[in-house]
Amino acid sequence: GARKITAIELASDGAPRIMYGDKDQVVYATRNGDGSWTNTQVVKAGERPLGQLVEFALDGNDQPHLTYFEVTQASPLEGIVYYGTTGG
């Protein structure tokens, strides 16, 4: 399930957009006009787990841009920060 850290933004139409992750994936959740949610996996972990932190922002076209963390060493914590976009 999702960890304690989630990121939320409001699209230009006021609809909430949420990005959250666990050690296996990062998910982008969008709220539909009928009140339901659509969850889309935007990152899937490879051989190494993902960290807890996921951040994102919407650009002027409501396209999400995100950063997330891949753990390379658990103690002390080390890893790689990635940037990407979901493509819309």
C-alpha atoms as a PDB file:
ATOM      1  CA  GLY A   1       0.000   0.000   0.000  1.00  0.00           C
ATOM      2  CA  ALA A   2       0.885   3.647  -0.124  1.00  0.00           C
ATOM      3  CA  ARG A   3       3.370   4.956   2.385  1.00  0.00           C
ATOM      4  CA  LYS A   4       2.739   7.905   4.634  1.00  0.00           C
ATOM      5  CA  ILE A   5       4.029  10.405   2.071  1.00  0.00           C
ATOM      6  CA  THR A   6       1.792  11.521  -0.783  1.00  0.00           C
ATOM      7  CA  ALA A   7       1.848  14.606  -2.992  1.00  0.00           C
ATOM      8  CA  ILE A   8      -1.247  16.474  -4.163  1.00  0.00           C
ATOM      9  CA  GLU A   9      -1.810  19.195  -6.753  1.00  0.00           C
ATOM     10  CA  LEU A  10      -4.934  20.834  -8.132  1.00  0.00           C
ATOM     11  CA  ALA A  11      -5.382  20.829 -11.900  1.00  0.00           C
ATOM     12  CA  SER A  12      -6.490  24.000 -13.694  1.00  0.00           C
ATOM     13  CA  ASP A  13     -10.116  22.826 -13.416  1.00  0.00           C
ATOM     14  CA  GLY A  14      -9.747  22.415  -9.631  1.00  0.00           C
ATOM     15  CA  ALA A  15      -9.715  18.596  -9.729  1.00  0.00           C
ATOM     16  CA  PRO A  16      -7.215  16.959  -7.353  1.00  0.00           C
ATOM     17  CA  ARG A  17      -4.279  14.960  -8.659  1.00  0.00           C
ATOM     18  CA  ILE A  18      -2.307  12.699  -6.315  1.00  0.00           C
ATOM     19  CA  MET A  19       1.054  10.956  -6.649  1.00  0.00           C
ATOM     20  CA  TYR A  20       2.074   8.271  -4.156  1.00  0.00           C
ATOM     21  CA  GLY A  21       4.387   5.309  -3.996  1.00  0.00           C
ATOM     22  CA  ASP A  22       5.541   2.245  -2.200  1.00  0.00           C
ATOM     23  CA  LYS A  23       8.692   0.181  -2.572  1.00  0.00           C
ATOM     24  CA  ASP A  24       7.406  -1.354  -5.823  1.00  0.00           C
ATOM     25  CA  GLN A  25       5.717   1.463  -7.752  1.00  0.00           C
ATOM     26  CA  VAL A  26       4.693   5.100  -8.101  1.00  0.00           C
ATOM     27  CA  VAL A  27       1.014   5.732  -8.838  1.00  0.00           C
ATOM     28  CA  TYR A  28      -0.692   8.801 -10.318  1.00  0.00           C
ATOM     29  CA  ALA A  29      -4.317   9.154  -9.230  1.00  0.00           C
ATOM     30  CA  THR A  30      -6.788  11.416 -11.002  1.00  0.00           C
ATOM     31  CA  ARG A  31     -10.302  12.231  -9.894  1.00  0.00           C
ATOM     32  CA  ASN A  32     -12.968  11.773 -12.543  1.00  0.00           C
ATOM     33  CA  GLY A  33     -16.060  13.943 -13.072  1.00  0.00           C
ATOM     34  CA  ASP A  34     -18.280  11.298 -11.456  1.00  0.00           C
ATOM     35  CA  GLY A  35     -16.207  11.317  -8.239  1.00  0.00           C
ATOM     36  CA  SER A  36     -14.411   8.047  -8.948  1.00  0.00           C
ATOM     37  CA  TRP A  37     -10.614   7.786  -9.165  1.00  0.00           C
ATOM     38  CA  THR A  38      -8.338   6.440 -11.879  1.00  0.00           C
ATOM     39  CA  ASN A  39      -5.000   5.057 -10.650  1.00  0.00           C
ATOM     40  CA  THR A  40      -2.173   4.703 -13.160  1.00  0.00           C
ATOM     41  CA  GLN A  41       1.193   3.117 -12.398  1.00  0.00           C
ATOM     42  CA  VAL A  42       3.819   5.532 -13.761  1.00  0.00           C
ATOM     43  CA  VAL A  43       6.978   3.923 -12.339  1.00  0.00           C
ATOM     44  CA  LYS A  44       7.662   0.278 -11.596  1.00  0.00           C
ATOM     45  CA  ALA A  45      10.650  -0.661  -9.442  1.00  0.00           C
ATOM     46  CA  GLY A  46      13.427  -2.646 -11.014  1.00  0.00           C
ATOM     47  CA  GLU A  47      15.831  -4.748  -8.990  1.00  0.00           C
ATOM     48  CA  ARG A  48      16.040  -2.126  -6.233  1.00  0.00           C
ATOM     49  CA  PRO A  49      13.155  -0.781  -4.123  1.00  0.00           C
ATOM     50  CA  LEU A  50      11.830   2.740  -4.398  1.00  0.00           C
ATOM     51  CA  GLY A  51      12.112   5.189  -1.523  1.00  0.00           C
ATOM     52  CA  GLN A  52       9.219   6.855   0.251  1.00  0.00           C
ATOM     53  CA  LEU A  53       9.546  10.336  -1.239  1.00  0.00           C
ATOM     54  CA  VAL A  54       7.560  11.182  -4.353  1.00  0.00           C
ATOM     55  CA  GLU A  55       7.108  14.797  -5.394  1.00  0.00           C
ATOM     56  CA  PHE A  56       5.329  16.237  -8.401  1.00  0.00           C
ATOM     57  CA  ALA A  57       3.993  19.417  -9.924  1.00  0.00           C
ATOM     58  CA  LEU A  58       1.630  20.174 -12.775  1.00  0.00           C
ATOM     59  CA  ASP A  59       2.825  22.406 -15.586  1.00  0.00           C
ATOM     60  CA  GLY A  60       0.678  24.976 -17.411  1.00  0.00           C
ATOM     61  CA  ASN A  61      -0.924  22.184 -19.461  1.00  0.00           C
ATOM     62  CA  ASP A  62      -1.738  20.092 -16.351  1.00  0.00           C
ATOM     63  CA  GLN A  63       0.985  17.604 -17.315  1.00  0.00           C
ATOM     64  CA  PRO A  64       2.576  16.055 -14.212  1.00  0.00           C
ATOM     65  CA  HIS A  65       6.337  16.172 -13.663  1.00  0.00           C
ATOM     66  CA  LEU A  66       7.682  13.989 -10.874  1.00  0.00           C
ATOM     67  CA  THR A  67      10.757  13.104  -8.896  1.00  0.00           C
ATOM     68  CA  TYR A  68      11.217   9.831  -7.057  1.00  0.00           C
ATOM     69  CA  PHE A  69      13.987   7.995  -5.242  1.00  0.00           C
ATOM     70  CA  GLU A  70      15.488   4.555  -5.921  1.00  0.00           C
ATOM     71  CA  VAL A  71      17.255   3.008  -2.925  1.00  0.00           C
ATOM     72  CA  THR A  72      20.774   1.739  -3.654  1.00  0.00           C
ATOM     73  CA  GLN A  73      21.739   1.179  -0.008  1.00  0.00           C
ATOM     74  CA  ALA A  74      19.430   0.944   2.996  1.00  0.00           C
ATOM     75  CA  SER A  75      21.791   1.795   5.854  1.00  0.00           C
ATOM     76  CA  PRO A  76      22.980   4.444   5.694  1.00  0.00           C
ATOM     77  CA  LEU A  77      20.299   5.416   3.203  1.00  0.00           C
ATOM     78  CA  GLU A  78      21.644   6.178  -0.253  1.00  0.00           C
ATOM     79  CA  GLY A  79      20.033   6.250  -3.642  1.00  0.00           C
ATOM     80  CA  ILE A  80      19.366   7.879  -6.965  1.00  0.00           C
ATOM     81  CA  VAL A  81      16.837  10.654  -7.566  1.00  0.00           C
ATOM     82  CA  TYR A  82      14.987  10.470 -10.902  1.00  0.00           C
ATOM     83  CA  TYR A  83      12.927  13.055 -12.755  1.00  0.00           C
ATOM     84  CA  GLY A  84      10.231  12.256 -15.285  1.00  0.00           C
ATOM     85  CA  THR A  85       6.891  13.148 -16.734  1.00  0.00           C
ATOM     86  CA  THR A  86       3.882  10.905 -17.219  1.00  0.00           C
ATOM     87  CA  GLY A  87       3.282  12.215 -20.715  1.00  0.00           C
ATOM     88  CA  GLY A  88      -0.143  13.568 -19.898  1.00  0.00           C
END
